Each structure stands twice: as C-alpha cells, then as structure tokens.
N, C-alpha and C. Protein backbone atom coordinates (compact mmCIF):
# COMPACT_ATOMS: atom_id res chain seq x y z
N MET A 1 -33.34 -36.98 4.82
CA MET A 1 -32.36 -36.19 5.32
C MET A 1 -31.01 -36.74 4.74
N ILE A 2 -30.14 -35.93 4.38
CA ILE A 2 -28.76 -36.19 3.83
C ILE A 2 -27.81 -36.05 4.90
N LYS A 3 -26.95 -37.11 5.05
CA LYS A 3 -25.83 -37.09 6.03
C LYS A 3 -24.76 -36.23 5.40
N SER A 4 -24.06 -35.47 6.26
CA SER A 4 -22.92 -34.68 5.73
C SER A 4 -21.81 -35.55 5.18
N SER A 5 -21.76 -36.83 5.58
CA SER A 5 -20.65 -37.68 5.03
C SER A 5 -21.03 -38.10 3.59
N ASN A 6 -22.31 -37.90 3.22
CA ASN A 6 -22.63 -38.27 1.84
C ASN A 6 -22.55 -37.15 0.88
N ILE A 7 -22.24 -35.96 1.34
CA ILE A 7 -22.17 -34.84 0.45
C ILE A 7 -20.68 -34.85 -0.19
N PRO A 8 -20.70 -34.79 -1.49
CA PRO A 8 -19.39 -34.93 -2.15
C PRO A 8 -18.47 -33.66 -1.87
N GLN A 9 -17.16 -34.00 -1.71
CA GLN A 9 -16.31 -32.87 -1.35
C GLN A 9 -15.71 -32.31 -2.68
N VAL A 10 -15.62 -31.03 -2.76
CA VAL A 10 -15.09 -30.36 -3.91
C VAL A 10 -13.67 -29.84 -3.52
N ASN A 11 -12.63 -30.20 -4.30
CA ASN A 11 -11.34 -29.72 -4.02
C ASN A 11 -10.90 -28.81 -5.17
N ILE A 12 -10.91 -27.58 -4.97
CA ILE A 12 -10.48 -26.60 -5.96
C ILE A 12 -9.10 -26.14 -5.59
N GLN A 13 -8.10 -26.49 -6.49
CA GLN A 13 -6.75 -26.19 -6.21
C GLN A 13 -6.46 -24.66 -6.11
N ASN A 14 -5.73 -24.29 -5.12
CA ASN A 14 -5.32 -22.90 -4.85
C ASN A 14 -6.52 -21.95 -4.58
N LEU A 15 -7.63 -22.47 -4.17
CA LEU A 15 -8.79 -21.65 -3.83
C LEU A 15 -8.38 -20.72 -2.72
N ASP A 16 -7.57 -21.05 -1.83
CA ASP A 16 -7.16 -20.11 -0.67
C ASP A 16 -6.49 -18.86 -1.22
N LYS A 17 -5.84 -18.93 -2.36
CA LYS A 17 -5.20 -17.81 -2.97
C LYS A 17 -6.27 -16.82 -3.52
N VAL A 18 -7.26 -17.37 -4.04
CA VAL A 18 -8.36 -16.49 -4.56
C VAL A 18 -9.12 -15.88 -3.34
N VAL A 19 -9.18 -16.59 -2.30
CA VAL A 19 -9.81 -16.00 -1.05
C VAL A 19 -8.94 -14.90 -0.47
N HIS A 20 -7.56 -15.16 -0.45
CA HIS A 20 -6.62 -14.08 -0.04
C HIS A 20 -6.76 -12.82 -0.83
N ALA A 21 -6.75 -13.02 -2.27
CA ALA A 21 -6.94 -11.89 -3.12
C ALA A 21 -8.27 -11.16 -2.87
N PHE A 22 -9.33 -11.87 -2.79
CA PHE A 22 -10.64 -11.28 -2.54
C PHE A 22 -10.66 -10.42 -1.23
N PHE A 23 -10.16 -11.06 -0.12
CA PHE A 23 -10.21 -10.35 1.18
C PHE A 23 -9.29 -9.10 1.10
N HIS A 24 -8.15 -9.12 0.40
CA HIS A 24 -7.29 -7.93 0.32
C HIS A 24 -7.88 -6.92 -0.58
N PHE A 25 -8.63 -7.32 -1.59
CA PHE A 25 -9.32 -6.41 -2.46
C PHE A 25 -10.35 -5.60 -1.63
N VAL A 26 -11.15 -6.30 -0.79
CA VAL A 26 -12.10 -5.65 0.05
C VAL A 26 -11.42 -4.82 1.14
N PHE A 27 -10.31 -5.39 1.73
CA PHE A 27 -9.60 -4.70 2.76
C PHE A 27 -9.04 -3.37 2.28
N THR A 28 -8.36 -3.49 1.19
CA THR A 28 -7.78 -2.23 0.56
C THR A 28 -8.84 -1.23 0.21
N SER A 29 -9.97 -1.64 -0.44
CA SER A 29 -11.06 -0.79 -0.79
C SER A 29 -11.65 -0.07 0.51
N LEU A 30 -11.78 -0.82 1.60
CA LEU A 30 -12.33 -0.20 2.78
C LEU A 30 -11.31 0.75 3.40
N TRP A 31 -10.05 0.40 3.39
CA TRP A 31 -9.06 1.41 3.94
C TRP A 31 -9.16 2.69 3.09
N PHE A 32 -9.23 2.52 1.74
CA PHE A 32 -9.30 3.73 0.81
C PHE A 32 -10.53 4.57 1.20
N LEU A 33 -11.68 3.94 1.36
CA LEU A 33 -12.92 4.64 1.67
C LEU A 33 -12.82 5.39 3.02
N PHE A 34 -12.20 4.75 3.97
CA PHE A 34 -11.93 5.37 5.25
C PHE A 34 -11.07 6.54 5.16
N PHE A 35 -9.97 6.34 4.44
CA PHE A 35 -8.97 7.47 4.33
C PHE A 35 -9.57 8.62 3.47
N ARG A 36 -10.31 8.25 2.48
CA ARG A 36 -11.03 9.26 1.66
C ARG A 36 -11.98 10.13 2.47
N LYS A 37 -12.66 9.53 3.38
CA LYS A 37 -13.60 10.26 4.27
C LYS A 37 -12.78 11.15 5.31
N GLN A 38 -11.76 10.53 5.87
CA GLN A 38 -11.03 11.20 6.97
C GLN A 38 -10.10 12.35 6.43
N PHE A 39 -9.49 12.07 5.24
CA PHE A 39 -8.50 13.03 4.70
C PHE A 39 -8.91 13.41 3.32
N SER A 40 -10.00 14.06 3.20
CA SER A 40 -10.55 14.50 1.83
C SER A 40 -9.69 15.46 1.14
N ASN A 41 -8.75 16.09 1.82
CA ASN A 41 -7.84 17.08 1.13
C ASN A 41 -6.68 16.35 0.53
N PHE A 42 -6.43 15.10 0.77
CA PHE A 42 -5.25 14.35 0.16
C PHE A 42 -5.67 13.98 -1.18
N LYS A 43 -4.65 13.84 -2.06
CA LYS A 43 -4.86 13.30 -3.36
C LYS A 43 -5.16 11.87 -3.31
N ILE A 44 -6.02 11.42 -4.24
CA ILE A 44 -6.36 9.96 -4.31
C ILE A 44 -5.23 9.05 -4.41
N SER A 45 -4.19 9.50 -5.20
CA SER A 45 -3.00 8.60 -5.47
C SER A 45 -2.28 8.34 -4.07
N LYS A 46 -2.25 9.38 -3.26
CA LYS A 46 -1.59 9.17 -1.86
C LYS A 46 -2.41 8.29 -1.12
N LEU A 47 -3.71 8.46 -1.08
CA LEU A 47 -4.63 7.59 -0.23
C LEU A 47 -4.46 6.10 -0.77
N LEU A 48 -4.40 6.01 -2.00
CA LEU A 48 -4.30 4.53 -2.53
C LEU A 48 -2.97 3.90 -2.11
N ILE A 49 -1.91 4.66 -2.10
CA ILE A 49 -0.57 4.09 -1.68
C ILE A 49 -0.73 3.79 -0.17
N ILE A 50 -1.26 4.62 0.62
CA ILE A 50 -1.42 4.42 2.03
C ILE A 50 -2.24 3.16 2.25
N SER A 51 -3.40 3.01 1.51
CA SER A 51 -4.30 1.86 1.67
C SER A 51 -3.63 0.54 1.30
N VAL A 52 -2.93 0.52 0.19
CA VAL A 52 -2.14 -0.67 -0.23
C VAL A 52 -1.10 -0.96 0.86
N GLY A 53 -0.46 0.05 1.30
CA GLY A 53 0.53 -0.16 2.36
C GLY A 53 0.03 -0.81 3.65
N PHE A 54 -1.11 -0.38 4.10
CA PHE A 54 -1.77 -0.93 5.28
C PHE A 54 -2.18 -2.47 4.96
N SER A 55 -2.78 -2.61 3.78
CA SER A 55 -3.19 -3.96 3.42
C SER A 55 -1.97 -4.94 3.36
N LEU A 56 -0.86 -4.58 2.71
CA LEU A 56 0.30 -5.39 2.64
C LEU A 56 0.98 -5.59 3.94
N PHE A 57 1.04 -4.58 4.73
CA PHE A 57 1.58 -4.70 6.06
C PHE A 57 0.84 -5.69 6.92
N PHE A 58 -0.40 -5.60 6.94
CA PHE A 58 -1.29 -6.44 7.64
C PHE A 58 -1.12 -7.94 7.18
N GLY A 59 -1.09 -8.12 5.88
CA GLY A 59 -0.96 -9.47 5.27
C GLY A 59 0.33 -10.10 5.55
N ILE A 60 1.42 -9.35 5.51
CA ILE A 60 2.69 -9.83 5.80
C ILE A 60 2.83 -10.21 7.33
N LEU A 61 2.30 -9.32 8.18
CA LEU A 61 2.33 -9.55 9.57
C LEU A 61 1.60 -10.79 9.94
N ILE A 62 0.42 -11.04 9.33
CA ILE A 62 -0.32 -12.31 9.60
C ILE A 62 0.48 -13.48 9.21
N GLU A 63 1.10 -13.41 8.08
CA GLU A 63 1.94 -14.59 7.59
C GLU A 63 3.07 -14.88 8.60
N ILE A 64 3.72 -13.79 9.05
CA ILE A 64 4.82 -13.95 9.99
C ILE A 64 4.35 -14.56 11.33
N LEU A 65 3.20 -13.99 11.77
CA LEU A 65 2.60 -14.54 13.09
C LEU A 65 2.13 -15.97 12.92
N GLN A 66 1.61 -16.37 11.72
CA GLN A 66 1.26 -17.82 11.55
C GLN A 66 2.43 -18.69 11.66
N GLU A 67 3.55 -18.25 11.13
CA GLU A 67 4.80 -19.08 11.22
C GLU A 67 5.31 -19.14 12.64
N LEU A 68 5.26 -18.08 13.38
CA LEU A 68 5.89 -17.98 14.69
C LEU A 68 5.05 -18.40 15.80
N CYS A 69 3.72 -18.21 15.69
CA CYS A 69 2.91 -18.46 16.81
C CYS A 69 1.91 -19.62 16.78
N THR A 70 1.95 -20.32 15.61
CA THR A 70 1.08 -21.46 15.53
C THR A 70 1.95 -22.73 15.14
N THR A 71 1.30 -23.88 15.48
CA THR A 71 2.05 -25.12 15.07
C THR A 71 1.33 -25.76 13.83
N THR A 72 0.17 -25.35 13.48
CA THR A 72 -0.60 -25.91 12.42
C THR A 72 -0.61 -24.99 11.14
N ARG A 73 -0.17 -23.89 11.18
CA ARG A 73 -0.11 -22.97 10.05
C ARG A 73 1.30 -22.56 9.73
N HIS A 74 1.53 -22.23 8.50
CA HIS A 74 2.88 -21.77 8.06
C HIS A 74 2.78 -20.64 7.15
N ALA A 75 3.79 -19.79 7.17
CA ALA A 75 3.85 -18.64 6.25
C ALA A 75 3.99 -19.09 4.84
N ASP A 76 3.41 -18.43 3.96
CA ASP A 76 3.48 -18.70 2.51
C ASP A 76 3.67 -17.51 1.68
N VAL A 77 4.73 -17.44 0.99
CA VAL A 77 5.04 -16.28 0.07
C VAL A 77 3.92 -16.13 -0.91
N PHE A 78 3.32 -17.20 -1.41
CA PHE A 78 2.24 -17.10 -2.45
C PHE A 78 1.02 -16.45 -1.88
N ASP A 79 0.79 -16.55 -0.51
CA ASP A 79 -0.33 -15.91 0.13
C ASP A 79 -0.08 -14.34 0.04
N VAL A 80 1.18 -13.99 0.32
CA VAL A 80 1.52 -12.60 0.25
C VAL A 80 1.37 -12.05 -1.19
N LEU A 81 1.71 -12.84 -2.12
CA LEU A 81 1.55 -12.44 -3.59
C LEU A 81 0.01 -12.32 -3.95
N ALA A 82 -0.76 -13.23 -3.39
CA ALA A 82 -2.21 -13.19 -3.65
C ALA A 82 -2.77 -11.90 -2.87
N ASN A 83 -2.35 -11.63 -1.77
CA ASN A 83 -2.73 -10.39 -1.10
C ASN A 83 -2.45 -9.17 -1.89
N PHE A 84 -1.18 -9.09 -2.43
CA PHE A 84 -0.80 -8.00 -3.21
C PHE A 84 -1.65 -7.84 -4.50
N SER A 85 -1.94 -9.05 -5.12
CA SER A 85 -2.83 -9.10 -6.30
C SER A 85 -4.19 -8.56 -6.00
N GLY A 86 -4.76 -8.86 -4.86
CA GLY A 86 -6.06 -8.32 -4.47
C GLY A 86 -5.92 -6.84 -4.28
N ALA A 87 -4.96 -6.35 -3.57
CA ALA A 87 -4.76 -4.93 -3.30
C ALA A 87 -4.60 -4.11 -4.61
N THR A 88 -3.75 -4.73 -5.52
CA THR A 88 -3.56 -4.14 -6.84
C THR A 88 -4.85 -4.06 -7.69
N LEU A 89 -5.62 -5.10 -7.61
CA LEU A 89 -6.93 -5.05 -8.33
C LEU A 89 -7.87 -3.95 -7.72
N ALA A 90 -7.78 -3.80 -6.43
CA ALA A 90 -8.65 -2.79 -5.77
C ALA A 90 -8.20 -1.43 -6.26
N VAL A 91 -6.89 -1.16 -6.43
CA VAL A 91 -6.38 0.11 -6.90
C VAL A 91 -6.91 0.29 -8.33
N LEU A 92 -6.81 -0.71 -9.11
CA LEU A 92 -7.19 -0.59 -10.55
C LEU A 92 -8.65 -0.19 -10.66
N VAL A 93 -9.50 -0.92 -9.84
CA VAL A 93 -10.95 -0.63 -9.86
C VAL A 93 -11.28 0.73 -9.34
N ILE A 94 -10.57 1.18 -8.30
CA ILE A 94 -10.78 2.56 -7.76
C ILE A 94 -10.37 3.56 -8.79
N MET A 95 -9.28 3.34 -9.47
CA MET A 95 -8.77 4.26 -10.51
C MET A 95 -9.82 4.33 -11.66
N LEU A 96 -10.32 3.20 -12.08
CA LEU A 96 -11.34 3.23 -13.18
C LEU A 96 -12.57 3.90 -12.72
N LEU A 97 -13.06 3.66 -11.53
CA LEU A 97 -14.32 4.36 -11.05
C LEU A 97 -14.02 5.81 -10.91
N ASN A 98 -12.83 6.17 -10.44
CA ASN A 98 -12.37 7.54 -10.31
C ASN A 98 -12.49 8.29 -11.63
N LYS A 99 -11.91 7.57 -12.65
CA LYS A 99 -11.80 8.14 -14.03
C LYS A 99 -13.28 8.28 -14.57
N TYR A 100 -14.04 7.28 -14.36
CA TYR A 100 -15.39 7.27 -14.89
C TYR A 100 -16.25 8.29 -14.19
N ASN A 101 -16.13 8.47 -12.92
CA ASN A 101 -16.92 9.42 -12.18
C ASN A 101 -16.25 10.78 -12.01
N LYS A 102 -15.02 10.92 -12.48
CA LYS A 102 -14.25 12.15 -12.36
C LYS A 102 -14.39 12.71 -11.01
N LEU A 103 -14.01 11.85 -9.96
CA LEU A 103 -14.06 12.35 -8.56
C LEU A 103 -12.89 13.26 -8.26
N ASP A 104 -11.72 12.99 -8.79
CA ASP A 104 -10.51 13.71 -8.43
C ASP A 104 -9.45 13.43 -9.44
N THR A 105 -8.42 14.20 -9.46
CA THR A 105 -7.32 13.92 -10.33
C THR A 105 -6.27 13.12 -9.61
N PHE A 106 -5.34 12.54 -10.30
CA PHE A 106 -4.28 11.72 -9.69
C PHE A 106 -2.94 12.45 -9.75
N ASN A 107 -3.02 13.82 -9.76
CA ASN A 107 -1.80 14.61 -9.86
C ASN A 107 -0.92 14.40 -8.68
C-alpha cells in the first residue's frame, strides 16, 4: 500500500485558470443549449450573446463574493479573463458547429 504522503505532488502553474476557462466553456455551452430549446424562434447570435452574458455575470459575481464574503479567497481579475476565454471558446465552437451543420443563420 502506498501512503498518500509518498505520492509526488505536481504543481502546474496557472492550472486554476485552465479550470476556470473549461468550466465557463461548459457553462456557456449549457446555457446556449437551454436557451436554444426554450427560445427556438430567437436567432443563434442573440442566444449566444445572452449565454455569454449569463456566464460572465455569474463569474464576476462569484469573484466579488469571494472577496467580500470569505477570508481565505480573493477576487482575481485573471480568473474573470479566464472565464471570458472559456465563454469565447464556447461561442467559437458553437459557431463552427452551426456552420458545419447549417442549423441556423447568424443574421
């Protein structure tokens, strides 16, 4: 049996930013799918803007609450930028899939 103290620790610099980007990629994608299902008469471009808006609002709110409501966590502008990067990547992937599958136009 291996003791947990014998397992080498891996320290990847800025891994938390990658995690932020990944979560907001998923978060934005899920909001888009939800809005696409609920408001099928809306243009995809409008649904994408709303989805990114929700994602960014949530990310900024969490950062503000971390700063104001905890003593062990602090707000980080780079976390917000990572959130925006993930949301932007989600938009790009959705646009590419949309173009490839010709689901709707972006007019």
